[in-house]
N, C-alpha and C. Protein backbone atom coordinates (compact mmCIF):
# COMPACT_ATOMS: atom_id res chain seq x y z
N MET A 1 -2.33 -15.50 13.80
CA MET A 1 -2.71 -14.15 13.35
C MET A 1 -2.98 -13.22 14.52
N ASN A 2 -3.25 -13.80 15.69
CA ASN A 2 -3.51 -12.99 16.88
C ASN A 2 -4.65 -12.00 16.66
N THR A 3 -5.66 -12.42 15.90
CA THR A 3 -6.70 -11.47 15.53
C THR A 3 -7.50 -11.00 16.73
N ARG A 4 -7.82 -11.88 17.66
CA ARG A 4 -8.60 -11.45 18.82
C ARG A 4 -7.81 -10.47 19.66
N ARG A 5 -6.53 -10.77 19.89
CA ARG A 5 -5.71 -9.87 20.70
C ARG A 5 -5.57 -8.53 20.02
N ASN A 6 -5.32 -8.51 18.71
CA ASN A 6 -5.19 -7.25 18.00
C ASN A 6 -6.50 -6.48 18.00
N LEU A 7 -7.62 -7.20 17.93
CA LEU A 7 -8.90 -6.53 17.97
C LEU A 7 -9.12 -5.85 19.31
N LEU A 8 -8.79 -6.53 20.39
CA LEU A 8 -8.99 -5.97 21.72
C LEU A 8 -8.05 -4.81 21.98
N VAL A 9 -6.79 -4.93 21.54
CA VAL A 9 -5.85 -3.84 21.70
C VAL A 9 -6.28 -2.63 20.90
N GLY A 10 -6.65 -2.87 19.63
CA GLY A 10 -7.00 -1.76 18.75
C GLY A 10 -8.29 -1.08 19.14
N ALA A 11 -9.19 -1.83 19.76
CA ALA A 11 -10.49 -1.26 20.10
C ALA A 11 -10.36 -0.06 21.02
N GLY A 12 -9.40 -0.10 21.92
CA GLY A 12 -9.26 1.00 22.87
C GLY A 12 -8.56 2.20 22.30
N LEU A 13 -7.79 2.02 21.24
CA LEU A 13 -6.91 3.08 20.79
C LEU A 13 -7.66 4.25 20.17
N LEU A 14 -8.66 3.95 19.35
CA LEU A 14 -9.41 5.01 18.71
C LEU A 14 -10.76 5.21 19.39
N GLY A 15 -10.91 4.64 20.58
CA GLY A 15 -12.11 4.93 21.35
C GLY A 15 -13.32 4.11 20.97
N VAL A 16 -13.12 2.93 20.35
CA VAL A 16 -14.26 2.11 19.99
C VAL A 16 -14.92 1.58 21.25
N ALA A 17 -16.25 1.51 21.25
CA ALA A 17 -16.98 1.18 22.47
C ALA A 17 -17.12 -0.31 22.70
N GLY A 18 -16.62 -1.15 21.80
CA GLY A 18 -16.75 -2.58 22.00
C GLY A 18 -16.03 -3.34 20.92
N VAL A 19 -16.25 -4.64 20.86
CA VAL A 19 -15.61 -5.50 19.88
C VAL A 19 -16.58 -5.80 18.76
N GLY A 20 -16.09 -5.83 17.51
CA GLY A 20 -16.95 -6.09 16.38
C GLY A 20 -17.53 -4.79 15.87
N ILE A 21 -18.82 -4.77 15.60
CA ILE A 21 -19.45 -3.55 15.13
C ILE A 21 -19.76 -2.69 16.34
N ALA A 22 -19.11 -1.54 16.41
CA ALA A 22 -19.27 -0.69 17.59
C ALA A 22 -19.17 0.76 17.20
N LEU A 23 -19.74 1.62 18.02
CA LEU A 23 -19.64 3.05 17.77
C LEU A 23 -18.33 3.57 18.30
N GLY A 24 -17.79 4.55 17.58
CA GLY A 24 -16.53 5.13 18.01
C GLY A 24 -16.74 6.39 18.80
N LEU A 25 -16.00 7.42 18.44
CA LEU A 25 -16.01 8.64 19.23
C LEU A 25 -17.15 9.57 18.89
N GLY A 26 -17.83 9.31 17.78
CA GLY A 26 -18.88 10.23 17.37
C GLY A 26 -20.21 9.95 18.03
N ALA A 27 -21.12 10.89 17.91
CA ALA A 27 -22.46 10.71 18.46
C ALA A 27 -23.20 9.67 17.65
N SER A 28 -23.98 8.81 18.33
CA SER A 28 -24.67 7.73 17.64
C SER A 28 -25.77 8.25 16.72
N GLY A 29 -26.16 9.48 16.90
CA GLY A 29 -27.18 10.05 16.04
C GLY A 29 -26.68 10.37 14.65
N GLY A 30 -25.40 10.23 14.38
CA GLY A 30 -24.87 10.41 13.05
C GLY A 30 -24.27 11.77 12.79
N GLY A 31 -24.29 12.68 13.75
CA GLY A 31 -23.74 14.01 13.53
C GLY A 31 -22.59 14.30 14.47
N ARG A 32 -21.69 15.15 14.04
CA ARG A 32 -20.58 15.56 14.88
C ARG A 32 -21.03 16.63 15.85
N THR A 33 -20.48 16.63 17.02
CA THR A 33 -20.72 17.72 17.95
C THR A 33 -19.72 18.83 17.64
N ASP A 34 -19.72 19.88 18.45
CA ASP A 34 -18.83 21.01 18.20
C ASP A 34 -17.43 20.81 18.78
N ARG A 35 -17.23 19.71 19.48
CA ARG A 35 -15.92 19.49 20.08
C ARG A 35 -14.88 19.16 19.01
N PRO A 36 -13.59 19.30 19.33
CA PRO A 36 -12.55 19.00 18.35
C PRO A 36 -12.57 17.53 17.95
N ASN A 37 -12.08 17.24 16.76
CA ASN A 37 -12.00 15.87 16.27
C ASN A 37 -10.90 15.14 17.04
N LEU A 38 -11.30 14.21 17.91
CA LEU A 38 -10.32 13.50 18.72
C LEU A 38 -9.48 12.54 17.89
N THR A 39 -10.07 12.01 16.81
CA THR A 39 -9.32 11.09 15.96
C THR A 39 -8.09 11.78 15.37
N ALA A 40 -8.24 13.04 14.99
CA ALA A 40 -7.13 13.78 14.40
C ALA A 40 -5.96 13.87 15.37
N SER A 41 -6.26 13.95 16.67
CA SER A 41 -5.18 14.06 17.65
C SER A 41 -4.54 12.71 17.96
N ARG A 42 -5.18 11.62 17.53
CA ARG A 42 -4.67 10.29 17.86
C ARG A 42 -4.02 9.59 16.68
N LEU A 43 -4.17 10.13 15.50
CA LEU A 43 -3.56 9.55 14.32
C LEU A 43 -2.44 10.45 13.82
N PRO A 44 -1.29 9.88 13.45
CA PRO A 44 -0.18 10.71 12.97
C PRO A 44 -0.49 11.27 11.59
N ASN A 45 0.14 12.38 11.29
CA ASN A 45 -0.04 13.01 9.98
C ASN A 45 1.24 12.89 9.16
N VAL A 46 1.86 11.72 9.25
CA VAL A 46 3.14 11.48 8.59
C VAL A 46 2.97 11.40 7.08
N LEU A 47 4.09 11.55 6.39
CA LEU A 47 4.09 11.51 4.93
C LEU A 47 4.24 10.07 4.44
N LEU A 48 3.32 9.64 3.60
CA LEU A 48 3.37 8.32 2.98
C LEU A 48 3.36 8.49 1.47
N THR A 49 3.65 7.41 0.75
CA THR A 49 3.65 7.44 -0.71
C THR A 49 2.82 6.27 -1.23
N ASN A 50 1.93 6.55 -2.18
CA ASN A 50 1.12 5.45 -2.71
C ASN A 50 1.81 4.76 -3.88
N GLN A 51 1.16 3.75 -4.44
CA GLN A 51 1.79 2.94 -5.48
C GLN A 51 2.03 3.70 -6.77
N TYR A 52 1.45 4.88 -6.89
CA TYR A 52 1.67 5.70 -8.08
C TYR A 52 2.75 6.75 -7.87
N GLY A 53 3.38 6.74 -6.70
CA GLY A 53 4.44 7.68 -6.40
C GLY A 53 3.96 9.00 -5.85
N ARG A 54 2.67 9.10 -5.53
CA ARG A 54 2.12 10.34 -5.00
C ARG A 54 2.33 10.40 -3.49
N SER A 55 2.86 11.52 -3.00
CA SER A 55 3.07 11.71 -1.57
C SER A 55 1.79 12.26 -0.93
N VAL A 56 1.42 11.69 0.20
CA VAL A 56 0.19 12.09 0.89
C VAL A 56 0.44 12.12 2.39
N ARG A 57 -0.33 12.93 3.09
CA ARG A 57 -0.31 12.97 4.55
C ARG A 57 -1.33 11.97 5.07
N PHE A 58 -0.93 11.18 6.07
CA PHE A 58 -1.79 10.10 6.52
C PHE A 58 -3.15 10.60 6.98
N TYR A 59 -3.17 11.56 7.89
CA TYR A 59 -4.47 12.01 8.36
C TYR A 59 -5.12 12.99 7.38
N ASP A 60 -4.41 14.03 7.01
CA ASP A 60 -5.01 15.09 6.20
C ASP A 60 -5.56 14.59 4.87
N ASP A 61 -4.78 13.74 4.18
CA ASP A 61 -5.14 13.32 2.83
C ASP A 61 -5.90 11.99 2.77
N LEU A 62 -5.62 11.10 3.71
CA LEU A 62 -6.20 9.77 3.62
C LEU A 62 -7.40 9.54 4.53
N ILE A 63 -7.44 10.22 5.66
CA ILE A 63 -8.45 9.92 6.67
C ILE A 63 -9.48 11.04 6.84
N ARG A 64 -9.06 12.25 6.83
CA ARG A 64 -9.92 13.39 7.18
C ARG A 64 -11.23 13.39 6.37
N GLY A 65 -12.35 13.30 7.08
CA GLY A 65 -13.66 13.40 6.46
C GLY A 65 -14.08 12.21 5.62
N LYS A 66 -13.33 11.11 5.68
CA LYS A 66 -13.58 9.98 4.78
C LYS A 66 -14.07 8.73 5.52
N VAL A 67 -14.68 7.84 4.78
CA VAL A 67 -14.95 6.47 5.23
C VAL A 67 -13.82 5.61 4.67
N VAL A 68 -13.13 4.88 5.56
CA VAL A 68 -11.93 4.16 5.15
C VAL A 68 -11.93 2.74 5.70
N ALA A 69 -11.23 1.87 5.00
CA ALA A 69 -10.94 0.52 5.48
C ALA A 69 -9.44 0.31 5.26
N ILE A 70 -8.72 -0.07 6.31
CA ILE A 70 -7.25 -0.10 6.28
C ILE A 70 -6.75 -1.45 6.77
N ASN A 71 -5.81 -2.05 6.03
CA ASN A 71 -5.13 -3.23 6.54
C ASN A 71 -3.62 -3.06 6.38
N MET A 72 -2.87 -3.91 7.08
CA MET A 72 -1.41 -3.93 6.98
C MET A 72 -1.01 -5.21 6.26
N MET A 73 -0.02 -5.11 5.38
CA MET A 73 0.44 -6.25 4.59
C MET A 73 1.86 -6.00 4.13
N TYR A 74 2.44 -6.93 3.40
CA TYR A 74 3.68 -6.67 2.67
C TYR A 74 3.76 -7.64 1.51
N THR A 75 4.40 -7.23 0.43
CA THR A 75 4.29 -7.96 -0.83
C THR A 75 4.95 -9.33 -0.81
N SER A 76 5.95 -9.52 0.06
CA SER A 76 6.62 -10.83 0.12
C SER A 76 6.01 -11.75 1.16
N CYS A 77 4.92 -11.33 1.78
CA CYS A 77 4.25 -12.13 2.81
C CYS A 77 3.73 -13.43 2.21
N ALA A 78 4.08 -14.54 2.86
CA ALA A 78 3.62 -15.86 2.42
C ALA A 78 2.53 -16.40 3.34
N GLY A 79 2.12 -15.57 4.31
CA GLY A 79 1.10 -16.01 5.26
C GLY A 79 -0.29 -15.61 4.81
N ILE A 80 -0.91 -14.71 5.59
CA ILE A 80 -2.31 -14.36 5.31
C ILE A 80 -2.47 -13.29 4.23
N CYS A 81 -1.40 -12.59 3.88
CA CYS A 81 -1.55 -11.43 2.97
C CYS A 81 -2.18 -11.78 1.62
N PRO A 82 -1.71 -12.83 0.92
CA PRO A 82 -2.34 -13.13 -0.37
C PRO A 82 -3.82 -13.46 -0.25
N THR A 83 -4.18 -14.20 0.80
CA THR A 83 -5.59 -14.55 1.00
C THR A 83 -6.41 -13.31 1.36
N ALA A 84 -5.83 -12.44 2.21
CA ALA A 84 -6.54 -11.22 2.58
C ALA A 84 -6.74 -10.32 1.36
N THR A 85 -5.71 -10.21 0.53
CA THR A 85 -5.83 -9.40 -0.68
C THR A 85 -6.90 -9.95 -1.60
N ALA A 86 -6.92 -11.27 -1.78
CA ALA A 86 -7.95 -11.90 -2.62
C ALA A 86 -9.34 -11.64 -2.05
N ASN A 87 -9.45 -11.67 -0.74
CA ASN A 87 -10.74 -11.42 -0.10
C ASN A 87 -11.18 -9.97 -0.29
N LEU A 88 -10.21 -9.04 -0.15
CA LEU A 88 -10.53 -7.63 -0.32
C LEU A 88 -10.86 -7.29 -1.77
N LEU A 89 -10.38 -8.10 -2.70
CA LEU A 89 -10.77 -7.91 -4.09
C LEU A 89 -12.26 -8.14 -4.26
N GLN A 90 -12.81 -9.06 -3.48
CA GLN A 90 -14.26 -9.29 -3.52
C GLN A 90 -15.01 -8.11 -2.89
N VAL A 91 -14.41 -7.53 -1.85
CA VAL A 91 -15.00 -6.32 -1.26
C VAL A 91 -14.96 -5.19 -2.29
N GLN A 92 -13.85 -5.08 -3.01
CA GLN A 92 -13.74 -4.09 -4.09
C GLN A 92 -14.88 -4.27 -5.09
N ARG A 93 -15.15 -5.51 -5.46
CA ARG A 93 -16.23 -5.79 -6.41
C ARG A 93 -17.59 -5.37 -5.85
N LEU A 94 -17.82 -5.68 -4.58
CA LEU A 94 -19.10 -5.35 -3.96
C LEU A 94 -19.29 -3.83 -3.82
N LEU A 95 -18.22 -3.12 -3.57
CA LEU A 95 -18.31 -1.65 -3.43
C LEU A 95 -18.59 -0.98 -4.76
N GLY A 96 -18.09 -1.54 -5.83
CA GLY A 96 -18.34 -0.98 -7.15
C GLY A 96 -17.89 0.46 -7.25
N ALA A 97 -18.78 1.32 -7.75
CA ALA A 97 -18.44 2.73 -7.97
C ALA A 97 -18.25 3.50 -6.68
N ARG A 98 -18.64 2.94 -5.53
CA ARG A 98 -18.43 3.63 -4.24
C ARG A 98 -16.95 3.71 -3.89
N LEU A 99 -16.15 2.72 -4.36
CA LEU A 99 -14.74 2.67 -4.01
C LEU A 99 -13.99 3.85 -4.62
N GLY A 100 -13.29 4.58 -3.76
CA GLY A 100 -12.55 5.75 -4.21
C GLY A 100 -13.38 7.02 -4.20
N ARG A 101 -14.68 6.89 -3.98
CA ARG A 101 -15.57 8.04 -3.90
C ARG A 101 -16.16 8.13 -2.49
N GLN A 102 -17.02 7.18 -2.15
CA GLN A 102 -17.61 7.16 -0.81
C GLN A 102 -16.75 6.41 0.19
N VAL A 103 -16.05 5.39 -0.29
CA VAL A 103 -15.25 4.52 0.58
C VAL A 103 -13.84 4.40 0.01
N HIS A 104 -12.84 4.49 0.89
CA HIS A 104 -11.44 4.42 0.47
C HIS A 104 -10.76 3.23 1.15
N LEU A 105 -10.09 2.42 0.35
CA LEU A 105 -9.43 1.22 0.85
C LEU A 105 -7.92 1.43 0.78
N TYR A 106 -7.23 1.20 1.93
CA TYR A 106 -5.79 1.40 2.00
C TYR A 106 -5.11 0.14 2.54
N SER A 107 -4.06 -0.28 1.85
CA SER A 107 -3.20 -1.37 2.33
C SER A 107 -1.82 -0.78 2.57
N ILE A 108 -1.36 -0.85 3.81
CA ILE A 108 -0.10 -0.21 4.19
C ILE A 108 0.96 -1.29 4.44
N THR A 109 2.11 -1.15 3.82
CA THR A 109 3.13 -2.17 3.94
C THR A 109 3.77 -2.21 5.32
N LEU A 110 4.07 -3.41 5.76
CA LEU A 110 4.83 -3.61 6.99
C LEU A 110 6.33 -3.71 6.71
N ALA A 111 6.71 -3.69 5.43
CA ALA A 111 8.11 -3.80 5.03
C ALA A 111 8.48 -2.65 4.11
N PRO A 112 8.45 -1.42 4.62
CA PRO A 112 8.70 -0.26 3.75
C PRO A 112 10.11 -0.23 3.17
N GLU A 113 11.04 -0.90 3.84
CA GLU A 113 12.41 -0.94 3.32
C GLU A 113 12.50 -1.76 2.03
N LEU A 114 11.51 -2.61 1.78
CA LEU A 114 11.48 -3.45 0.58
C LEU A 114 10.38 -3.04 -0.40
N ASP A 115 9.27 -2.61 0.13
CA ASP A 115 8.11 -2.30 -0.71
C ASP A 115 8.13 -0.85 -1.17
N THR A 116 8.78 -0.63 -2.29
CA THR A 116 8.81 0.70 -2.91
C THR A 116 7.47 0.94 -3.61
N PRO A 117 7.20 2.18 -4.01
CA PRO A 117 5.97 2.42 -4.78
C PRO A 117 5.88 1.53 -6.02
N HIS A 118 7.00 1.33 -6.71
CA HIS A 118 6.99 0.46 -7.90
C HIS A 118 6.62 -0.98 -7.52
N THR A 119 7.19 -1.49 -6.44
CA THR A 119 6.89 -2.85 -6.00
C THR A 119 5.40 -2.98 -5.64
N LEU A 120 4.88 -1.99 -4.96
CA LEU A 120 3.47 -2.01 -4.59
C LEU A 120 2.57 -1.89 -5.82
N ARG A 121 2.99 -1.08 -6.79
CA ARG A 121 2.20 -0.94 -8.01
C ARG A 121 2.14 -2.26 -8.78
N GLU A 122 3.28 -2.95 -8.86
CA GLU A 122 3.31 -4.25 -9.54
C GLU A 122 2.46 -5.28 -8.80
N TYR A 123 2.50 -5.24 -7.49
CA TYR A 123 1.70 -6.16 -6.67
C TYR A 123 0.21 -5.89 -6.91
N ALA A 124 -0.18 -4.63 -6.89
CA ALA A 124 -1.58 -4.28 -7.12
C ALA A 124 -2.03 -4.68 -8.52
N LYS A 125 -1.19 -4.45 -9.50
CA LYS A 125 -1.52 -4.81 -10.88
C LYS A 125 -1.67 -6.32 -11.03
N ARG A 126 -0.77 -7.05 -10.39
CA ARG A 126 -0.79 -8.52 -10.47
C ARG A 126 -2.06 -9.10 -9.87
N HIS A 127 -2.60 -8.42 -8.87
CA HIS A 127 -3.80 -8.93 -8.20
C HIS A 127 -5.10 -8.33 -8.72
N GLY A 128 -5.02 -7.45 -9.69
CA GLY A 128 -6.23 -6.89 -10.27
C GLY A 128 -6.89 -5.81 -9.45
N VAL A 129 -6.08 -5.07 -8.71
CA VAL A 129 -6.60 -3.99 -7.88
C VAL A 129 -7.03 -2.81 -8.76
N GLY A 130 -8.20 -2.27 -8.48
CA GLY A 130 -8.73 -1.18 -9.28
C GLY A 130 -8.55 0.18 -8.62
N PRO A 131 -9.02 1.24 -9.26
CA PRO A 131 -8.93 2.59 -8.72
C PRO A 131 -9.67 2.70 -7.39
N GLY A 132 -9.13 3.51 -6.49
CA GLY A 132 -9.76 3.70 -5.19
C GLY A 132 -9.18 2.84 -4.09
N TRP A 133 -8.28 1.96 -4.46
CA TRP A 133 -7.59 1.10 -3.47
C TRP A 133 -6.10 1.44 -3.56
N TRP A 134 -5.60 2.09 -2.54
CA TRP A 134 -4.20 2.51 -2.54
C TRP A 134 -3.35 1.60 -1.67
N PHE A 135 -2.15 1.33 -2.17
CA PHE A 135 -1.11 0.63 -1.41
C PHE A 135 -0.06 1.67 -1.04
N LEU A 136 0.34 1.67 0.23
CA LEU A 136 1.14 2.79 0.74
C LEU A 136 2.41 2.33 1.43
N THR A 137 3.45 3.12 1.25
CA THR A 137 4.72 2.89 1.91
C THR A 137 5.22 4.22 2.47
N GLY A 138 6.35 4.18 3.16
CA GLY A 138 6.90 5.40 3.75
C GLY A 138 8.14 5.08 4.54
N ALA A 139 8.63 6.05 5.28
CA ALA A 139 9.79 5.82 6.14
C ALA A 139 9.40 4.81 7.22
N PRO A 140 10.31 3.88 7.55
CA PRO A 140 9.97 2.85 8.55
C PRO A 140 9.42 3.41 9.86
N ALA A 141 10.00 4.49 10.37
CA ALA A 141 9.52 5.07 11.62
C ALA A 141 8.10 5.62 11.48
N ASP A 142 7.80 6.16 10.31
CA ASP A 142 6.45 6.70 10.08
C ASP A 142 5.42 5.58 9.94
N ILE A 143 5.80 4.52 9.25
CA ILE A 143 4.92 3.35 9.13
C ILE A 143 4.63 2.78 10.52
N GLU A 144 5.66 2.76 11.35
CA GLU A 144 5.48 2.24 12.71
C GLU A 144 4.50 3.10 13.50
N GLN A 145 4.58 4.40 13.36
CA GLN A 145 3.63 5.28 14.03
C GLN A 145 2.20 4.98 13.59
N VAL A 146 2.02 4.81 12.30
CA VAL A 146 0.70 4.52 11.76
C VAL A 146 0.19 3.18 12.29
N ARG A 147 1.04 2.18 12.25
CA ARG A 147 0.66 0.83 12.70
C ARG A 147 0.17 0.84 14.14
N VAL A 148 0.93 1.45 15.01
CA VAL A 148 0.57 1.48 16.43
C VAL A 148 -0.68 2.32 16.65
N SER A 149 -0.78 3.44 15.96
CA SER A 149 -1.94 4.32 16.16
C SER A 149 -3.24 3.64 15.74
N LEU A 150 -3.16 2.74 14.78
CA LEU A 150 -4.36 2.04 14.31
C LEU A 150 -4.68 0.80 15.15
N GLY A 151 -3.79 0.45 16.07
CA GLY A 151 -4.03 -0.70 16.93
C GLY A 151 -3.54 -2.01 16.36
N PHE A 152 -2.72 -1.97 15.31
CA PHE A 152 -2.20 -3.18 14.69
C PHE A 152 -0.90 -3.61 15.36
N TYR A 153 -0.97 -3.93 16.62
CA TYR A 153 0.23 -4.36 17.34
C TYR A 153 -0.15 -5.39 18.39
N ASP A 154 0.87 -6.11 18.87
CA ASP A 154 0.68 -7.09 19.93
C ASP A 154 1.38 -6.59 21.19
N PRO A 155 0.77 -6.72 22.36
CA PRO A 155 1.40 -6.22 23.58
C PRO A 155 2.66 -6.99 23.98
N GLU A 156 2.86 -8.17 23.38
CA GLU A 156 4.07 -8.94 23.66
C GLU A 156 5.13 -8.57 22.63
N PRO A 157 6.22 -7.92 23.03
CA PRO A 157 7.21 -7.41 22.07
C PRO A 157 7.75 -8.45 21.09
N GLU A 158 8.01 -9.66 21.56
CA GLU A 158 8.57 -10.69 20.67
C GLU A 158 7.58 -11.05 19.57
N VAL A 159 6.33 -11.18 19.94
CA VAL A 159 5.30 -11.49 18.95
C VAL A 159 5.12 -10.31 18.01
N ASP A 160 5.15 -9.10 18.56
CA ASP A 160 4.93 -7.90 17.77
C ASP A 160 6.01 -7.73 16.70
N ARG A 161 7.22 -8.15 17.00
CA ARG A 161 8.33 -7.99 16.04
C ARG A 161 8.26 -8.98 14.89
N ASP A 162 7.47 -10.03 15.03
CA ASP A 162 7.39 -11.07 14.01
C ASP A 162 6.33 -10.71 12.98
N LYS A 163 6.78 -10.30 11.79
CA LYS A 163 5.83 -9.91 10.75
C LYS A 163 4.92 -11.05 10.34
N ASN A 164 5.40 -12.30 10.50
CA ASN A 164 4.58 -13.44 10.10
C ASN A 164 3.34 -13.61 10.96
N SER A 165 3.32 -12.96 12.13
CA SER A 165 2.15 -13.08 13.01
C SER A 165 1.37 -11.77 13.08
N HIS A 166 1.52 -10.94 12.04
CA HIS A 166 0.85 -9.63 12.08
C HIS A 166 -0.67 -9.79 12.02
N SER A 167 -1.33 -8.73 12.41
CA SER A 167 -2.79 -8.73 12.52
C SER A 167 -3.46 -8.99 11.18
N GLY A 168 -4.51 -9.79 11.23
CA GLY A 168 -5.33 -10.03 10.05
C GLY A 168 -6.62 -9.24 10.12
N MET A 169 -6.54 -8.03 10.68
CA MET A 169 -7.73 -7.22 10.87
C MET A 169 -7.77 -6.04 9.90
N LEU A 170 -8.97 -5.53 9.71
CA LEU A 170 -9.20 -4.28 9.00
C LEU A 170 -9.65 -3.24 10.01
N ARG A 171 -9.05 -2.07 9.96
CA ARG A 171 -9.54 -0.94 10.75
C ARG A 171 -10.49 -0.18 9.83
N ILE A 172 -11.73 -0.04 10.24
CA ILE A 172 -12.77 0.58 9.42
C ILE A 172 -13.31 1.79 10.18
N GLY A 173 -13.39 2.93 9.51
CA GLY A 173 -13.86 4.10 10.23
C GLY A 173 -14.45 5.17 9.34
N ASN A 174 -15.21 6.04 9.97
CA ASN A 174 -15.77 7.23 9.34
C ASN A 174 -15.28 8.41 10.16
N ASP A 175 -14.29 9.12 9.63
CA ASP A 175 -13.69 10.22 10.39
C ASP A 175 -14.67 11.35 10.66
N ARG A 176 -15.59 11.57 9.74
CA ARG A 176 -16.48 12.72 9.89
C ARG A 176 -17.32 12.62 11.15
N VAL A 177 -17.75 11.42 11.49
CA VAL A 177 -18.56 11.24 12.70
C VAL A 177 -17.77 10.52 13.80
N GLU A 178 -16.46 10.30 13.53
CA GLU A 178 -15.57 9.65 14.50
C GLU A 178 -16.11 8.31 14.98
N ARG A 179 -16.49 7.50 14.02
CA ARG A 179 -17.02 6.17 14.30
C ARG A 179 -16.05 5.14 13.75
N TRP A 180 -15.49 4.29 14.62
CA TRP A 180 -14.44 3.35 14.24
C TRP A 180 -14.73 1.95 14.78
N THR A 181 -14.32 0.96 14.02
CA THR A 181 -14.47 -0.42 14.44
C THR A 181 -13.41 -1.26 13.72
N MET A 182 -13.47 -2.58 13.89
CA MET A 182 -12.56 -3.48 13.20
C MET A 182 -13.34 -4.67 12.66
N ALA A 183 -12.77 -5.33 11.66
CA ALA A 183 -13.36 -6.54 11.10
C ALA A 183 -12.23 -7.44 10.62
N PRO A 184 -12.41 -8.75 10.66
CA PRO A 184 -11.37 -9.66 10.15
C PRO A 184 -11.23 -9.50 8.63
N ALA A 185 -10.01 -9.34 8.17
CA ALA A 185 -9.77 -9.23 6.72
C ALA A 185 -10.12 -10.52 6.00
N LEU A 186 -10.16 -11.62 6.74
CA LEU A 186 -10.51 -12.91 6.15
C LEU A 186 -11.97 -13.26 6.39
N GLY A 187 -12.74 -12.32 6.94
CA GLY A 187 -14.17 -12.54 7.06
C GLY A 187 -14.82 -12.54 5.69
N SER A 188 -16.09 -12.89 5.64
CA SER A 188 -16.75 -12.90 4.34
C SER A 188 -16.81 -11.49 3.78
N PRO A 189 -16.68 -11.35 2.46
CA PRO A 189 -16.76 -10.01 1.86
C PRO A 189 -18.06 -9.29 2.21
N GLU A 190 -19.14 -10.05 2.33
CA GLU A 190 -20.42 -9.45 2.67
C GLU A 190 -20.40 -8.90 4.10
N GLN A 191 -19.76 -9.62 5.01
CA GLN A 191 -19.66 -9.13 6.39
C GLN A 191 -18.80 -7.86 6.47
N ILE A 192 -17.71 -7.85 5.71
CA ILE A 192 -16.85 -6.67 5.68
C ILE A 192 -17.62 -5.48 5.13
N LEU A 193 -18.35 -5.70 4.04
CA LEU A 193 -19.16 -4.63 3.46
C LEU A 193 -20.20 -4.14 4.47
N GLY A 194 -20.80 -5.07 5.22
CA GLY A 194 -21.77 -4.69 6.23
C GLY A 194 -21.17 -3.81 7.31
N THR A 195 -19.91 -4.09 7.68
CA THR A 195 -19.23 -3.28 8.68
C THR A 195 -18.92 -1.90 8.13
N ILE A 196 -18.51 -1.84 6.88
CA ILE A 196 -18.28 -0.54 6.22
C ILE A 196 -19.59 0.26 6.19
N ASP A 197 -20.66 -0.40 5.79
CA ASP A 197 -21.95 0.28 5.71
C ASP A 197 -22.42 0.78 7.07
N HIS A 198 -22.02 0.06 8.13
CA HIS A 198 -22.42 0.46 9.48
C HIS A 198 -21.84 1.82 9.87
N VAL A 199 -20.63 2.10 9.43
CA VAL A 199 -20.01 3.39 9.78
C VAL A 199 -20.29 4.47 8.74
N ASP A 200 -20.77 4.06 7.55
CA ASP A 200 -20.99 5.00 6.45
C ASP A 200 -22.40 5.56 6.54
N GLU A 201 -22.52 6.82 6.86
CA GLU A 201 -23.84 7.46 6.96
C GLU A 201 -24.64 7.36 5.67
N ALA A 202 -23.95 7.35 4.53
CA ALA A 202 -24.63 7.32 3.24
C ALA A 202 -25.31 5.99 2.99
């Protein structure tokens, strides 16, 4: 899964100050300063489509001003994806009514050429995914931009090209205060929730 390597690579990309639970680009006091939002300049604003066929802009619609947890997956994955999805279903349960309101969960496909909105919708339905958890696809080049910008890549090109060894991490952040970190998608649901709560001012 290369989780440690992906964690270390991703930590630097959005300005996280360390590994695990760490403060990102925002002030630790919980408020934004008057400077421009650096996260906006580091994340692409490409067009993606969710499992319901709705087109959205990655930064403007999915990230801006929100608390988010993001993982990469694909529906035909026989490796960690089914287990990660099952684990995130427990996170969904723990979040309850916060999901889709205070906290937004996104799963972005690594195989956009195969995972159409319909395919993602059937996958979500099959696994019991509820409102507030979106599965997203898009043009392959745009998905690649998103993947790299979030730190879900390996510095070794051969390893990076192998979808079977993709990162088993969650990128968790609060754009409003520019606070970002990562957590293992296969960590305990309680630990994942704790990491979400760490970046969520509420």
